Amino acid sequence: MEETLSFLVIAYEPGFIPEHLYMALRTESKESSKILNGYIAYIKKVNQALKNPEQTTSPKKTTVYFSKNQ
């Protein structure tokens, strides 16, 4: 995700994309990164619980919602 954001900055600075598009894509990139990092943390907890069931509590069931802002 960070690489994508870097390419976005590289495209914006010399004027290849307009500011409104840069800001919208930057916001989407940050939101996607948060969702992905949350999912990775959840998967790590699940894996830890499967490896050591007596040492950890079971992860709570979580529902993930995705929104499409357009």
C-alpha atoms as a PDB file:
ATOM      1  CA  MET A   1       0.000   0.000   0.000  1.00  0.00           C
ATOM      2  CA  GLU A   2       2.809   2.388   0.794  1.00  0.00           C
ATOM      3  CA  GLU A   3       4.309   1.820  -2.639  1.00  0.00           C
ATOM      4  CA  THR A   4       0.990   2.704  -4.264  1.00  0.00           C
ATOM      5  CA  LEU A   5       0.777   5.884  -2.205  1.00  0.00           C
ATOM      6  CA  SER A   6       4.331   6.774  -3.244  1.00  0.00           C
ATOM      7  CA  PHE A   7       3.444   6.381  -6.916  1.00  0.00           C
ATOM      8  CA  LEU A   8       0.393   8.544  -6.347  1.00  0.00           C
ATOM      9  CA  VAL A   9       2.569  11.332  -4.917  1.00  0.00           C
ATOM     10  CA  ILE A  10       5.004  10.933  -7.812  1.00  0.00           C
ATOM     11  CA  ALA A  11       2.118  11.372 -10.281  1.00  0.00           C
ATOM     12  CA  TYR A  12       0.641  14.352  -8.420  1.00  0.00           C
ATOM     13  CA  GLU A  13       3.728  16.480  -7.815  1.00  0.00           C
ATOM     14  CA  PRO A  14       4.590  17.157 -11.488  1.00  0.00           C
ATOM     15  CA  GLY A  15       0.909  17.655 -12.307  1.00  0.00           C
ATOM     16  CA  PHE A  16       0.049  14.376 -14.043  1.00  0.00           C
ATOM     17  CA  ILE A  17      -3.144  14.092 -11.979  1.00  0.00           C
ATOM     18  CA  PRO A  18      -5.337  16.904 -10.584  1.00  0.00           C
ATOM     19  CA  GLU A  19      -5.486  17.660  -6.874  1.00  0.00           C
ATOM     20  CA  HIS A  20      -9.060  16.437  -6.383  1.00  0.00           C
ATOM     21  CA  LEU A  21      -8.152  13.031  -7.836  1.00  0.00           C
ATOM     22  CA  TYR A  22      -4.971  12.866  -5.753  1.00  0.00           C
ATOM     23  CA  MET A  23      -6.882  13.630  -2.557  1.00  0.00           C
ATOM     24  CA  ALA A  24      -9.629  11.103  -3.322  1.00  0.00           C
ATOM     25  CA  LEU A  25      -7.164   8.316  -4.149  1.00  0.00           C
ATOM     26  CA  ARG A  26      -5.025   9.153  -1.125  1.00  0.00           C
ATOM     27  CA  THR A  27      -8.071   8.873   1.145  1.00  0.00           C
ATOM     28  CA  GLU A  28      -9.070   5.554  -0.446  1.00  0.00           C
ATOM     29  CA  SER A  29      -5.515   4.266  -0.057  1.00  0.00           C
ATOM     30  CA  LYS A  30      -5.411   5.146   3.638  1.00  0.00           C
ATOM     31  CA  GLU A  31      -8.828   3.580   4.294  1.00  0.00           C
ATOM     32  CA  SER A  32      -7.832   0.412   2.435  1.00  0.00           C
ATOM     33  CA  SER A  33      -4.609   0.235   4.421  1.00  0.00           C
ATOM     34  CA  LYS A  34      -6.513   0.442   7.717  1.00  0.00           C
ATOM     35  CA  ILE A  35      -8.891  -2.325   6.652  1.00  0.00           C
ATOM     36  CA  LEU A  36      -6.054  -4.537   5.455  1.00  0.00           C
ATOM     37  CA  ASN A  37      -4.008  -4.003   8.633  1.00  0.00           C
ATOM     38  CA  GLY A  38      -7.046  -4.815  10.780  1.00  0.00           C
ATOM     39  CA  TYR A  39      -7.623  -8.014   8.845  1.00  0.00           C
ATOM     40  CA  ILE A  40      -3.962  -9.009   9.173  1.00  0.00           C
ATOM     41  CA  ALA A  41      -4.140  -8.456  12.948  1.00  0.00           C
ATOM     42  CA  TYR A  42      -7.279 -10.597  13.117  1.00  0.00           C
ATOM     43  CA  ILE A  43      -5.660 -13.423  11.136  1.00  0.00           C
ATOM     44  CA  LYS A  44      -2.616 -13.309  13.446  1.00  0.00           C
ATOM     45  CA  LYS A  45      -4.896 -13.643  16.488  1.00  0.00           C
ATOM     46  CA  VAL A  46      -6.720 -16.573  14.930  1.00  0.00           C
ATOM     47  CA  ASN A  47      -3.450 -18.308  14.049  1.00  0.00           C
ATOM     48  CA  GLN A  48      -2.121 -17.728  17.567  1.00  0.00           C
ATOM     49  CA  ALA A  49      -5.307 -19.179  19.062  1.00  0.00           C
ATOM     50  CA  LEU A  50      -5.052 -22.239  16.819  1.00  0.00           C
ATOM     51  CA  LYS A  51      -1.405 -22.837  17.741  1.00  0.00           C
ATOM     52  CA  ASN A  52      -1.849 -22.304  21.499  1.00  0.00           C
ATOM     53  CA  PRO A  53      -5.524 -22.717  22.413  1.00  0.00           C
ATOM     54  CA  GLU A  54      -4.851 -22.949  26.163  1.00  0.00           C
ATOM     55  CA  GLN A  55      -2.818 -19.711  26.269  1.00  0.00           C
ATOM     56  CA  THR A  56      -5.127 -17.399  24.349  1.00  0.00           C
ATOM     57  CA  THR A  57      -8.760 -16.514  24.349  1.00  0.00           C
ATOM     58  CA  SER A  58     -10.706 -17.147  21.194  1.00  0.00           C
ATOM     59  CA  PRO A  59     -10.959 -14.120  18.962  1.00  0.00           C
ATOM     60  CA  LYS A  60     -14.398 -12.579  18.868  1.00  0.00           C
ATOM     61  CA  LYS A  61     -16.425 -12.970  15.736  1.00  0.00           C
ATOM     62  CA  THR A  62     -15.987  -9.782  13.738  1.00  0.00           C
ATOM     63  CA  THR A  63     -17.983  -8.439  10.865  1.00  0.00           C
ATOM     64  CA  VAL A  64     -16.135  -6.294   8.344  1.00  0.00           C
ATOM     65  CA  TYR A  65     -18.095  -3.710   6.397  1.00  0.00           C
ATOM     66  CA  PHE A  66     -16.886  -2.208   3.145  1.00  0.00           C
ATOM     67  CA  SER A  67     -18.243   1.035   1.826  1.00  0.00           C
ATOM     68  CA  LYS A  68     -18.106   2.352  -1.690  1.00  0.00           C
ATOM     69  CA  ASN A  69     -17.960   6.149  -1.657  1.00  0.00           C
ATOM     70  CA  GLN A  70     -18.836   7.464  -5.068  1.00  0.00           C
END
